C-alpha atoms as a PDB file:
ATOM      1  CA  UNK A   1      14.094 -20.858  -6.125  1.00  0.00           C
ATOM      2  CA  UNK A   2      11.118 -18.561  -6.683  1.00  0.00           C
ATOM      3  CA  UNK A   3       9.076 -16.208  -4.488  1.00  0.00           C
ATOM      4  CA  UNK A   4       5.337 -16.744  -4.128  1.00  0.00           C
ATOM      5  CA  UNK A   5       2.616 -14.463  -2.759  1.00  0.00           C
ATOM      6  CA  UNK A   6       1.058 -16.820  -0.179  1.00  0.00           C
ATOM      7  CA  UNK A   7      -1.469 -14.793   1.775  1.00  0.00           C
ATOM      8  CA  UNK A   8      -2.995 -11.424   2.456  1.00  0.00           C
ATOM      9  CA  UNK A   9      -4.503  -9.754   5.522  1.00  0.00           C
ATOM     10  CA  UNK A  10      -5.665  -6.287   6.503  1.00  0.00           C
ATOM     11  CA  UNK A  11      -6.925  -4.304   9.448  1.00  0.00           C
ATOM     12  CA  UNK A  12      -8.751  -0.974   9.696  1.00  0.00           C
ATOM     13  CA  UNK A  13      -9.650   0.999  12.828  1.00  0.00           C
ATOM     14  CA  UNK A  14     -13.294   0.996  13.892  1.00  0.00           C
ATOM     15  CA  UNK A  15     -13.764   4.782  13.785  1.00  0.00           C
ATOM     16  CA  UNK A  16     -15.338   5.835  10.463  1.00  0.00           C
ATOM     17  CA  UNK A  17     -14.838   9.486   9.525  1.00  0.00           C
ATOM     18  CA  UNK A  18     -17.358  10.489   6.858  1.00  0.00           C
ATOM     19  CA  UNK A  19     -17.307  13.586   4.693  1.00  0.00           C
ATOM     20  CA  UNK A  20     -19.766  15.176   7.110  1.00  0.00           C
ATOM     21  CA  UNK A  21     -16.955  15.512   9.672  1.00  0.00           C
ATOM     22  CA  UNK A  22     -15.151  17.891   7.303  1.00  0.00           C
ATOM     23  CA  UNK A  23     -18.335  19.689   6.275  1.00  0.00           C
ATOM     24  CA  UNK A  24     -18.943  20.511   9.940  1.00  0.00           C
ATOM     25  CA  UNK A  25     -15.468  22.016  10.331  1.00  0.00           C
ATOM     26  CA  UNK A  26     -14.631  23.833   7.100  1.00  0.00           C
ATOM     27  CA  UNK A  27     -16.129  25.340   3.985  1.00  0.00           C
ATOM     28  CA  UNK A  28     -16.816  22.326   1.759  1.00  0.00           C
ATOM     29  CA  UNK A  29     -19.603  20.048   0.566  1.00  0.00           C
ATOM     30  CA  UNK A  30     -20.042  16.320   0.097  1.00  0.00           C
ATOM     31  CA  UNK A  31     -20.442  16.895  -3.638  1.00  0.00           C
ATOM     32  CA  UNK A  32     -17.129  18.768  -3.837  1.00  0.00           C
ATOM     33  CA  UNK A  33     -15.210  16.090  -1.896  1.00  0.00           C
ATOM     34  CA  UNK A  34     -16.665  13.167  -3.851  1.00  0.00           C
ATOM     35  CA  UNK A  35     -16.229  14.858  -7.228  1.00  0.00           C
ATOM     36  CA  UNK A  36     -12.582  15.714  -6.615  1.00  0.00           C
ATOM     37  CA  UNK A  37     -11.492  12.598  -4.695  1.00  0.00           C
ATOM     38  CA  UNK A  38     -14.111   9.849  -4.910  1.00  0.00           C
ATOM     39  CA  UNK A  39     -13.880   9.455  -1.123  1.00  0.00           C
ATOM     40  CA  UNK A  40     -16.968   9.006   1.053  1.00  0.00           C
ATOM     41  CA  UNK A  41     -15.285   7.918   4.271  1.00  0.00           C
ATOM     42  CA  UNK A  42     -11.974   6.928   5.805  1.00  0.00           C
ATOM     43  CA  UNK A  43     -10.901   5.057   8.973  1.00  0.00           C
ATOM     44  CA  UNK A  44      -9.139   6.868  11.794  1.00  0.00           C
ATOM     45  CA  UNK A  45      -7.045   5.205  14.507  1.00  0.00           C
ATOM     46  CA  UNK A  46      -7.638   6.045  18.159  1.00  0.00           C
ATOM     47  CA  UNK A  47      -5.189   8.145  20.136  1.00  0.00           C
ATOM     48  CA  UNK A  48      -3.760   5.039  21.803  1.00  0.00           C
ATOM     49  CA  UNK A  49      -3.383   3.005  18.585  1.00  0.00           C
ATOM     50  CA  UNK A  50       0.004   3.109  16.900  1.00  0.00           C
ATOM     51  CA  UNK A  51       1.085   2.234  13.376  1.00  0.00           C
ATOM     52  CA  UNK A  52       2.623  -0.984  14.703  1.00  0.00           C
ATOM     53  CA  UNK A  53      -0.675  -1.915  16.383  1.00  0.00           C
ATOM     54  CA  UNK A  54      -2.428  -1.706  13.010  1.00  0.00           C
ATOM     55  CA  UNK A  55       0.361  -3.673  11.344  1.00  0.00           C
ATOM     56  CA  UNK A  56       0.259  -6.406  13.972  1.00  0.00           C
ATOM     57  CA  UNK A  57      -3.463  -7.030  13.475  1.00  0.00           C
ATOM     58  CA  UNK A  58      -3.076  -7.257   9.702  1.00  0.00           C
ATOM     59  CA  UNK A  59      -0.048  -9.531  10.112  1.00  0.00           C
ATOM     60  CA  UNK A  60      -1.900 -11.971  12.370  1.00  0.00           C
ATOM     61  CA  UNK A  61      -4.495 -12.516   9.645  1.00  0.00           C
ATOM     62  CA  UNK A  62      -1.890 -12.922   6.899  1.00  0.00           C
ATOM     63  CA  UNK A  63       0.111 -15.419   8.974  1.00  0.00           C
ATOM     64  CA  UNK A  64      -2.967 -17.477   9.814  1.00  0.00           C
ATOM     65  CA  UNK A  65      -4.072 -17.611   6.174  1.00  0.00           C
ATOM     66  CA  UNK A  66      -0.601 -18.593   4.972  1.00  0.00           C
ATOM     67  CA  UNK A  67      -0.629 -21.896   6.831  1.00  0.00           C
ATOM     68  CA  UNK A  68       2.876 -21.380   8.194  1.00  0.00           C
ATOM     69  CA  UNK A  69       3.934 -21.023  11.804  1.00  0.00           C
ATOM     70  CA  UNK A  70       5.066 -17.521  12.769  1.00  0.00           C
ATOM     71  CA  UNK A  71       8.401 -19.009  13.853  1.00  0.00           C
ATOM     72  CA  UNK A  72       9.075 -19.896  10.209  1.00  0.00           C
ATOM     73  CA  UNK A  73       9.209 -16.191   9.310  1.00  0.00           C
ATOM     74  CA  UNK A  74      12.814 -15.076   8.888  1.00  0.00           C
ATOM     75  CA  UNK A  75      12.400 -11.459   7.763  1.00  0.00           C
ATOM     76  CA  UNK A  76       9.939  -8.697   8.679  1.00  0.00           C
ATOM     77  CA  UNK A  77       9.624  -5.617   6.467  1.00  0.00           C
ATOM     78  CA  UNK A  78       7.412  -2.638   7.203  1.00  0.00           C
ATOM     79  CA  UNK A  79       6.655   0.091   4.666  1.00  0.00           C
ATOM     80  CA  UNK A  80       5.461   3.260   6.397  1.00  0.00           C
ATOM     81  CA  UNK A  81       5.736   7.053   6.396  1.00  0.00           C
ATOM     82  CA  UNK A  82       4.075   7.324   9.812  1.00  0.00           C
ATOM     83  CA  UNK A  83       6.306   5.159  12.015  1.00  0.00           C
ATOM     84  CA  UNK A  84       5.859   4.712  15.748  1.00  0.00           C
ATOM     85  CA  UNK A  85       9.177   6.492  16.338  1.00  0.00           C
ATOM     86  CA  UNK A  86      11.379   8.966  14.491  1.00  0.00           C
ATOM     87  CA  UNK A  87      13.834   7.496  13.499  1.00  0.00           C
ATOM     88  CA  UNK A  88      14.382   4.425  15.701  1.00  0.00           C
ATOM     89  CA  UNK A  89      13.454   1.804  16.598  1.00  0.00           C
ATOM     90  CA  UNK A  90      11.914   0.725  13.320  1.00  0.00           C
ATOM     91  CA  UNK A  91       8.222  -0.107  13.240  1.00  0.00           C
ATOM     92  CA  UNK A  92       9.180  -3.494  11.783  1.00  0.00           C
ATOM     93  CA  UNK A  93      11.164  -4.288  14.924  1.00  0.00           C
ATOM     94  CA  UNK A  94       8.175  -3.365  17.086  1.00  0.00           C
ATOM     95  CA  UNK A  95       5.792  -5.449  14.960  1.00  0.00           C
ATOM     96  CA  UNK A  96       8.124  -8.451  15.172  1.00  0.00           C
ATOM     97  CA  UNK A  97       8.358  -8.049  18.956  1.00  0.00           C
ATOM     98  CA  UNK A  98       4.588  -7.751  19.415  1.00  0.00           C
ATOM     99  CA  UNK A  99       4.107 -10.883  17.286  1.00  0.00           C
ATOM    100  CA  UNK A 100       6.836 -12.662  19.309  1.00  0.00           C
ATOM    101  CA  UNK A 101       8.839 -13.311  16.158  1.00  0.00           C
ATOM    102  CA  UNK A 102      12.260 -13.369  17.736  1.00  0.00           C
ATOM    103  CA  UNK A 103      15.837 -13.143  16.465  1.00  0.00           C
ATOM    104  CA  UNK A 104      15.023 -12.281  12.835  1.00  0.00           C
ATOM    105  CA  UNK A 105      16.022  -9.459  10.522  1.00  0.00           C
ATOM    106  CA  UNK A 106      13.517  -6.574  10.636  1.00  0.00           C
ATOM    107  CA  UNK A 107      13.603  -3.100   9.133  1.00  0.00           C
ATOM    108  CA  UNK A 108      11.458  -0.297   7.691  1.00  0.00           C
ATOM    109  CA  UNK A 109      11.439   1.180   4.219  1.00  0.00           C
ATOM    110  CA  UNK A 110      10.250   4.670   3.303  1.00  0.00           C
ATOM    111  CA  UNK A 111       8.844   4.840  -0.207  1.00  0.00           C
ATOM    112  CA  UNK A 112       5.509   6.518   0.595  1.00  0.00           C
ATOM    113  CA  UNK A 113       2.579   5.150  -1.403  1.00  0.00           C
ATOM    114  CA  UNK A 114       4.867   2.806  -3.360  1.00  0.00           C
ATOM    115  CA  UNK A 115       6.130   1.258  -0.122  1.00  0.00           C
ATOM    116  CA  UNK A 116       4.327  -2.076  -0.381  1.00  0.00           C
ATOM    117  CA  UNK A 117       5.638  -2.716  -3.898  1.00  0.00           C
ATOM    118  CA  UNK A 118       9.159  -1.763  -2.773  1.00  0.00           C
ATOM    119  CA  UNK A 119       8.801  -4.247   0.106  1.00  0.00           C
ATOM    120  CA  UNK A 120       7.546  -6.899  -2.301  1.00  0.00           C
ATOM    121  CA  UNK A 121      10.607  -6.336  -4.484  1.00  0.00           C
ATOM    122  CA  UNK A 122      12.956  -6.698  -1.501  1.00  0.00           C
ATOM    123  CA  UNK A 123      11.206  -9.855  -0.277  1.00  0.00           C
ATOM    124  CA  UNK A 124      11.406 -11.374  -3.755  1.00  0.00           C
ATOM    125  CA  UNK A 125      15.139 -10.644  -3.964  1.00  0.00           C
ATOM    126  CA  UNK A 126      15.902 -12.107  -0.519  1.00  0.00           C
ATOM    127  CA  UNK A 127      14.004 -15.297  -1.330  1.00  0.00           C
ATOM    128  CA  UNK A 128      15.373 -15.776  -4.843  1.00  0.00           C
ATOM    129  CA  UNK A 129      18.907 -15.325  -3.501  1.00  0.00           C
ATOM    130  CA  UNK A 130      18.300 -18.131  -1.018  1.00  0.00           C
ATOM    131  CA  UNK A 131      18.891 -15.883   1.990  1.00  0.00           C
ATOM    132  CA  UNK A 132      15.309 -16.070   3.336  1.00  0.00           C
ATOM    133  CA  UNK A 133      12.365 -18.465   3.051  1.00  0.00           C
ATOM    134  CA  UNK A 134       9.327 -16.721   4.531  1.00  0.00           C
ATOM    135  CA  UNK A 135       9.022 -12.941   4.580  1.00  0.00           C
ATOM    136  CA  UNK A 136       6.317 -10.913   6.301  1.00  0.00           C
ATOM    137  CA  UNK A 137       5.742  -7.629   4.473  1.00  0.00           C
ATOM    138  CA  UNK A 138       3.562  -4.966   6.043  1.00  0.00           C
ATOM    139  CA  UNK A 139       2.201  -1.670   4.782  1.00  0.00           C
ATOM    140  CA  UNK A 140       0.917   0.247   7.808  1.00  0.00           C
ATOM    141  CA  UNK A 141      -0.025   3.870   8.290  1.00  0.00           C
ATOM    142  CA  UNK A 142      -1.458   6.177  10.920  1.00  0.00           C
ATOM    143  CA  UNK A 143      -1.622   9.117   8.551  1.00  0.00           C
ATOM    144  CA  UNK A 144      -4.007  10.987  10.835  1.00  0.00           C
ATOM    145  CA  UNK A 145      -0.920  11.729  12.957  1.00  0.00           C
ATOM    146  CA  UNK A 146       0.797  13.641  10.122  1.00  0.00           C
ATOM    147  CA  UNK A 147      -2.228  15.318   8.505  1.00  0.00           C
ATOM    148  CA  UNK A 148      -2.952  19.002   9.095  1.00  0.00           C
ATOM    149  CA  UNK A 149      -6.718  19.118   9.601  1.00  0.00           C
ATOM    150  CA  UNK A 150      -6.777  22.829   8.818  1.00  0.00           C
ATOM    151  CA  UNK A 151      -5.284  22.219   5.359  1.00  0.00           C
ATOM    152  CA  UNK A 152      -8.328  21.858   3.120  1.00  0.00           C
ATOM    153  CA  UNK A 153      -6.232  20.698   0.158  1.00  0.00           C
ATOM    154  CA  UNK A 154      -4.945  17.520   1.835  1.00  0.00           C
ATOM    155  CA  UNK A 155      -6.798  16.633   5.034  1.00  0.00           C
ATOM    156  CA  UNK A 156      -9.794  14.971   3.356  1.00  0.00           C
ATOM    157  CA  UNK A 157      -7.645  12.561   1.374  1.00  0.00           C
ATOM    158  CA  UNK A 158      -6.029  10.379   4.012  1.00  0.00           C
ATOM    159  CA  UNK A 159      -6.988   7.556   6.347  1.00  0.00           C
ATOM    160  CA  UNK A 160      -5.422   4.936   8.613  1.00  0.00           C
ATOM    161  CA  UNK A 161      -5.037   1.183   8.138  1.00  0.00           C
ATOM    162  CA  UNK A 162      -2.681  -1.702   7.472  1.00  0.00           C
ATOM    163  CA  UNK A 163      -2.200  -4.613   5.112  1.00  0.00           C
ATOM    164  CA  UNK A 164       0.209  -7.535   5.310  1.00  0.00           C
ATOM    165  CA  UNK A 165       1.324 -10.460   3.186  1.00  0.00           C
ATOM    166  CA  UNK A 166       3.465 -13.579   3.483  1.00  0.00           C
ATOM    167  CA  UNK A 167       5.955 -14.088   0.660  1.00  0.00           C
ATOM    168  CA  UNK A 168       7.422 -17.605   0.652  1.00  0.00           C
ATOM    169  CA  UNK A 169       9.968 -19.653  -1.251  1.00  0.00           C
ATOM    170  CA  UNK A 170       8.706 -22.136  -3.821  1.00  0.00           C
ATOM    171  CA  UNK A 171      10.149 -24.392  -6.505  1.00  0.00           C
ATOM    172  CA  UNK A 172       6.990 -24.102  -8.594  1.00  0.00           C
ATOM    173  CA  UNK A 173       7.482 -21.403 -11.242  1.00  0.00           C
ATOM    174  CA  UNK A 174       3.752 -21.391 -12.055  1.00  0.00           C
ATOM    175  CA  UNK A 175       2.973 -19.818  -8.655  1.00  0.00           C
ATOM    176  CA  UNK A 176       5.904 -17.398  -8.610  1.00  0.00           C
ATOM    177  CA  UNK A 177       5.792 -13.613  -8.559  1.00  0.00           C
ATOM    178  CA  UNK A 178       6.286 -12.763 -12.224  1.00  0.00           C
ATOM    179  CA  UNK A 179       8.004  -9.388 -12.061  1.00  0.00           C
ATOM    180  CA  UNK A 180       8.442  -6.268  -9.912  1.00  0.00           C
ATOM    181  CA  UNK A 181       9.647  -2.886 -11.193  1.00  0.00           C
ATOM    182  CA  UNK A 182      10.515   0.018  -8.886  1.00  0.00           C
ATOM    183  CA  UNK A 183      12.075   3.405  -9.517  1.00  0.00           C
ATOM    184  CA  UNK A 184      12.454   6.927  -8.131  1.00  0.00           C
ATOM    185  CA  UNK A 185      13.175  10.545  -9.036  1.00  0.00           C
ATOM    186  CA  UNK A 186      14.350  12.715  -6.171  1.00  0.00           C
ATOM    187  CA  UNK A 187      14.435  15.840  -8.328  1.00  0.00           C
ATOM    188  CA  UNK A 188      10.644  16.084  -7.922  1.00  0.00           C
ATOM    189  CA  UNK A 189      10.682  15.720  -4.138  1.00  0.00           C
ATOM    190  CA  UNK A 190       8.852  19.007  -3.577  1.00  0.00           C
ATOM    191  CA  UNK A 191       5.581  17.717  -5.063  1.00  0.00           C
ATOM    192  CA  UNK A 192       4.784  15.587  -2.017  1.00  0.00           C
ATOM    193  CA  UNK A 193       6.693  15.760   1.249  1.00  0.00           C
ATOM    194  CA  UNK A 194       6.735  16.003   5.023  1.00  0.00           C
ATOM    195  CA  UNK A 195       9.095  18.909   5.823  1.00  0.00           C
ATOM    196  CA  UNK A 196      10.285  17.820   9.269  1.00  0.00           C
ATOM    197  CA  UNK A 197       9.548  16.001  12.503  1.00  0.00           C
ATOM    198  CA  UNK A 198       8.316  16.964  15.937  1.00  0.00           C
ATOM    199  CA  UNK A 199       5.619  19.474  16.800  1.00  0.00           C
ATOM    200  CA  UNK A 200       4.210  22.246  14.677  1.00  0.00           C
ATOM    201  CA  UNK A 201       3.459  22.495  10.985  1.00  0.00           C
ATOM    202  CA  UNK A 202       6.663  20.730   9.904  1.00  0.00           C
ATOM    203  CA  UNK A 203       5.301  17.336  10.933  1.00  0.00           C
ATOM    204  CA  UNK A 204       2.430  17.535   8.430  1.00  0.00           C
ATOM    205  CA  UNK A 205       2.288  16.283   4.855  1.00  0.00           C
ATOM    206  CA  UNK A 206       2.323  18.872   2.088  1.00  0.00           C
ATOM    207  CA  UNK A 207       1.287  18.263  -1.510  1.00  0.00           C
ATOM    208  CA  UNK A 208       1.125  20.210  -4.755  1.00  0.00           C
ATOM    209  CA  UNK A 209      -2.075  18.570  -5.906  1.00  0.00           C
ATOM    210  CA  UNK A 210      -2.376  19.598  -9.560  1.00  0.00           C
ATOM    211  CA  UNK A 211       1.256  18.902 -10.404  1.00  0.00           C
ATOM    212  CA  UNK A 212       1.194  15.585  -8.545  1.00  0.00           C
ATOM    213  CA  UNK A 213      -1.960  14.512 -10.382  1.00  0.00           C
ATOM    214  CA  UNK A 214      -0.403  15.060 -13.805  1.00  0.00           C
ATOM    215  CA  UNK A 215       2.868  13.298 -12.988  1.00  0.00           C
ATOM    216  CA  UNK A 216       1.052  10.413 -11.283  1.00  0.00           C
ATOM    217  CA  UNK A 217      -1.240   9.669 -14.227  1.00  0.00           C
ATOM    218  CA  UNK A 218       1.616   9.822 -16.722  1.00  0.00           C
ATOM    219  CA  UNK A 219       4.000   7.719 -14.618  1.00  0.00           C
ATOM    220  CA  UNK A 220       1.498   5.062 -13.523  1.00  0.00           C
ATOM    221  CA  UNK A 221       0.294   4.545 -17.089  1.00  0.00           C
ATOM    222  CA  UNK A 222       3.793   4.331 -18.525  1.00  0.00           C
ATOM    223  CA  UNK A 223       4.969   1.890 -15.863  1.00  0.00           C
ATOM    224  CA  UNK A 224       2.128  -0.555 -16.544  1.00  0.00           C
ATOM    225  CA  UNK A 225       2.808  -0.465 -20.282  1.00  0.00           C
ATOM    226  CA  UNK A 226       6.488  -1.254 -19.646  1.00  0.00           C
ATOM    227  CA  UNK A 227       5.968  -4.163 -17.259  1.00  0.00           C
ATOM    228  CA  UNK A 228       3.373  -5.789 -19.528  1.00  0.00           C
ATOM    229  CA  UNK A 229       5.595  -5.388 -22.593  1.00  0.00           C
ATOM    230  CA  UNK A 230       8.669  -6.708 -20.774  1.00  0.00           C
ATOM    231  CA  UNK A 231       6.789  -9.864 -19.835  1.00  0.00           C
ATOM    232  CA  UNK A 232       5.018 -10.337 -23.172  1.00  0.00           C
ATOM    233  CA  UNK A 233       1.629  -9.906 -21.541  1.00  0.00           C
ATOM    234  CA  UNK A 234      -1.504  -7.921 -22.367  1.00  0.00           C
ATOM    235  CA  UNK A 235      -4.527  -6.618 -20.465  1.00  0.00           C
ATOM    236  CA  UNK A 236      -6.305  -9.883 -21.201  1.00  0.00           C
ATOM    237  CA  UNK A 237      -3.761 -11.749 -19.051  1.00  0.00           C
ATOM    238  CA  UNK A 238      -4.708  -9.712 -15.964  1.00  0.00           C
ATOM    239  CA  UNK A 239      -7.501 -10.818 -13.648  1.00  0.00           C
ATOM    240  CA  UNK A 240      -7.365  -7.764 -11.388  1.00  0.00           C
ATOM    241  CA  UNK A 241      -5.719  -4.365 -11.830  1.00  0.00           C
ATOM    242  CA  UNK A 242      -5.058  -2.996  -8.321  1.00  0.00           C
ATOM    243  CA  UNK A 243      -3.615   0.533  -8.357  1.00  0.00           C
ATOM    244  CA  UNK A 244      -2.677   2.607  -5.343  1.00  0.00           C
ATOM    245  CA  UNK A 245      -5.908   4.083  -4.001  1.00  0.00           C
ATOM    246  CA  UNK A 246      -4.925   7.747  -3.992  1.00  0.00           C
ATOM    247  CA  UNK A 247      -7.768   9.499  -5.706  1.00  0.00           C
ATOM    248  CA  UNK A 248     -10.655   8.336  -7.888  1.00  0.00           C
ATOM    249  CA  UNK A 249      -9.742  10.754 -10.674  1.00  0.00           C
ATOM    250  CA  UNK A 250      -6.197   9.355 -10.891  1.00  0.00           C
ATOM    251  CA  UNK A 251      -7.426   5.747 -10.828  1.00  0.00           C
ATOM    252  CA  UNK A 252     -10.027   6.446 -13.522  1.00  0.00           C
ATOM    253  CA  UNK A 253      -7.581   8.324 -15.749  1.00  0.00           C
ATOM    254  CA  UNK A 254      -4.993   5.535 -15.521  1.00  0.00           C
ATOM    255  CA  UNK A 255      -7.562   2.749 -15.959  1.00  0.00           C
ATOM    256  CA  UNK A 256      -9.082   4.443 -19.003  1.00  0.00           C
ATOM    257  CA  UNK A 257      -5.674   5.119 -20.558  1.00  0.00           C
ATOM    258  CA  UNK A 258      -4.729   1.456 -20.150  1.00  0.00           C
ATOM    259  CA  UNK A 259      -8.134   0.249 -21.407  1.00  0.00           C
ATOM    260  CA  UNK A 260      -8.886  -2.081 -18.491  1.00  0.00           C
ATOM    261  CA  UNK A 261     -12.446  -3.341 -18.189  1.00  0.00           C
ATOM    262  CA  UNK A 262     -14.524  -2.373 -15.155  1.00  0.00           C
ATOM    263  CA  UNK A 263     -14.493  -5.951 -13.873  1.00  0.00           C
ATOM    264  CA  UNK A 264     -10.686  -5.860 -13.831  1.00  0.00           C
ATOM    265  CA  UNK A 265     -10.313  -2.571 -11.949  1.00  0.00           C
ATOM    266  CA  UNK A 266     -10.295  -2.447  -8.148  1.00  0.00           C
ATOM    267  CA  UNK A 267     -11.578   0.620  -6.292  1.00  0.00           C
ATOM    268  CA  UNK A 268     -11.553   0.991  -2.497  1.00  0.00           C
ATOM    269  CA  UNK A 269     -10.624   4.672  -2.114  1.00  0.00           C
ATOM    270  CA  UNK A 270     -14.300   5.495  -1.579  1.00  0.00           C
ATOM    271  CA  UNK A 271     -14.376   3.788   1.841  1.00  0.00           C
ATOM    272  CA  UNK A 272     -10.770   4.023   3.057  1.00  0.00           C
ATOM    273  CA  UNK A 273      -9.317   7.153   1.455  1.00  0.00           C
ATOM    274  CA  UNK A 274      -5.599   7.229   0.697  1.00  0.00           C
ATOM    275  CA  UNK A 275      -3.746   5.002   3.176  1.00  0.00           C
ATOM    276  CA  UNK A 276      -0.343   5.328   1.466  1.00  0.00           C
ATOM    277  CA  UNK A 277       1.717   2.118   1.801  1.00  0.00           C
ATOM    278  CA  UNK A 278      -1.287   0.250   3.248  1.00  0.00           C
ATOM    279  CA  UNK A 279      -3.485   1.079   0.274  1.00  0.00           C
ATOM    280  CA  UNK A 280      -2.569  -1.760  -2.089  1.00  0.00           C
ATOM    281  CA  UNK A 281      -2.529  -4.632   0.446  1.00  0.00           C
ATOM    282  CA  UNK A 282      -5.826  -3.383   1.885  1.00  0.00           C
ATOM    283  CA  UNK A 283      -7.314  -3.414  -1.619  1.00  0.00           C
ATOM    284  CA  UNK A 284      -5.954  -6.909  -2.287  1.00  0.00           C
ATOM    285  CA  UNK A 285      -7.497  -8.068   0.974  1.00  0.00           C
ATOM    286  CA  UNK A 286     -10.873  -6.582   0.053  1.00  0.00           C
ATOM    287  CA  UNK A 287     -10.800  -8.562  -3.196  1.00  0.00           C
ATOM    288  CA  UNK A 288      -9.840 -11.734  -1.356  1.00  0.00           C
ATOM    289  CA  UNK A 289     -12.519 -11.424   1.303  1.00  0.00           C
ATOM    290  CA  UNK A 290     -15.219 -10.578  -1.247  1.00  0.00           C
ATOM    291  CA  UNK A 291     -14.310 -13.559  -3.434  1.00  0.00           C
ATOM    292  CA  UNK A 292     -13.034 -11.492  -6.370  1.00  0.00           C
ATOM    293  CA  UNK A 293      -9.469 -12.763  -5.867  1.00  0.00           C
ATOM    294  CA  UNK A 294      -8.832 -16.495  -6.078  1.00  0.00           C
ATOM    295  CA  UNK A 295      -5.764 -18.704  -5.941  1.00  0.00           C
ATOM    296  CA  UNK A 296      -4.022 -18.744  -9.308  1.00  0.00           C
ATOM    297  CA  UNK A 297      -5.265 -15.315 -10.362  1.00  0.00           C
ATOM    298  CA  UNK A 298      -2.834 -12.842 -11.912  1.00  0.00           C
ATOM    299  CA  UNK A 299      -2.907  -9.390 -10.352  1.00  0.00           C
ATOM    300  CA  UNK A 300      -1.226  -6.212 -11.549  1.00  0.00           C
ATOM    301  CA  UNK A 301      -0.185  -3.737  -8.860  1.00  0.00           C
ATOM    302  CA  UNK A 302       0.691  -0.122  -9.645  1.00  0.00           C
ATOM    303  CA  UNK A 303       1.698   2.691  -7.283  1.00  0.00           C
ATOM    304  CA  UNK A 304       3.113   6.210  -7.184  1.00  0.00           C
ATOM    305  CA  UNK A 305       4.188   8.228  -4.162  1.00  0.00           C
ATOM    306  CA  UNK A 306       6.372  10.845  -2.568  1.00  0.00           C
ATOM    307  CA  UNK A 307      10.054  10.670  -3.317  1.00  0.00           C
ATOM    308  CA  UNK A 308       9.014  10.609  -6.046  1.00  0.00           C
ATOM    309  CA  UNK A 309       8.728   6.831  -6.152  1.00  0.00           C
ATOM    310  CA  UNK A 310       6.778   4.481  -8.349  1.00  0.00           C
ATOM    311  CA  UNK A 311       6.499   0.777  -8.999  1.00  0.00           C
ATOM    312  CA  UNK A 312       4.464  -2.015 -10.520  1.00  0.00           C
ATOM    313  CA  UNK A 313       4.250  -5.748  -9.995  1.00  0.00           C
ATOM    314  CA  UNK A 314       2.837  -8.766 -11.808  1.00  0.00           C
ATOM    315  CA  UNK A 315       1.869 -11.301  -9.180  1.00  0.00           C
ATOM    316  CA  UNK A 316       0.351 -14.775  -9.165  1.00  0.00           C
ATOM    317  CA  UNK A 317      -1.818 -15.089  -6.079  1.00  0.00           C
ATOM    318  CA  UNK A 318      -0.683 -18.453  -4.703  1.00  0.00           C
ATOM    319  CA  UNK A 319      -2.813 -18.932  -1.617  1.00  0.00           C
ATOM    320  CA  UNK A 320      -3.218 -22.460  -0.299  1.00  0.00           C
END
């Protein structure tokens, strides 16, 4: 039995927060923000929208596009660092309930920006073991709830949104997920973290930007080289290279180091900012809806996040 990537869906809030919002509130310029981050705008959820609300909307689209009935889903995974509740119930449980997917296994994973690839790895393992047949994986974030908007070094980077995918069992190896690699290094936890929960400064993300940039570029590049080598593949075998949309400078540095062509590289950070675990599925969805991603294409996913965590995946897009 193999695992196939059947469908993709995404949802973003309607509120668009441009760079001008930050210019009006702190000492900065549009040129400075764009030069350092590549971001022009990001989406911000309303006060009454929760992370699970975003995940539900993305999931509805993914389920509809998959061609399966929601009652065929037997596992719901949600990757998030901005859950509805700390620490229970899980956002996955809430998403399953709101979708009326009853009596199935559901749980969250916390792997920051690598969360969607971690979830993909777990879904693949459950399906290949024969334990599950159709897995809903969701990357959903309301990062505006854990961003300190007085912290000039981080507040401009992040946005809200969600992406979801259906991973299903198949006997056809040609449409199977090729490989997923995930790893972590807790010794570097201080580079990117949220110190605590509740009110006050401890609920906000903190990042050592320069150090994180260097480690991210080195790790992302190395991980892609390894997964391609391990599967006897080259850049020419990849239709789309979809990295985590953290920062334009990181994406450019990694893409240049790996020698991908412009038509292979996917960039959405300019309009969504960094949406952590939602970043990669949102980018996949953009490619699908614009016609860049077609059934049978091979996509390479690559992410790096707090933990530190990182991961990459070689995926055949097997939409029906």
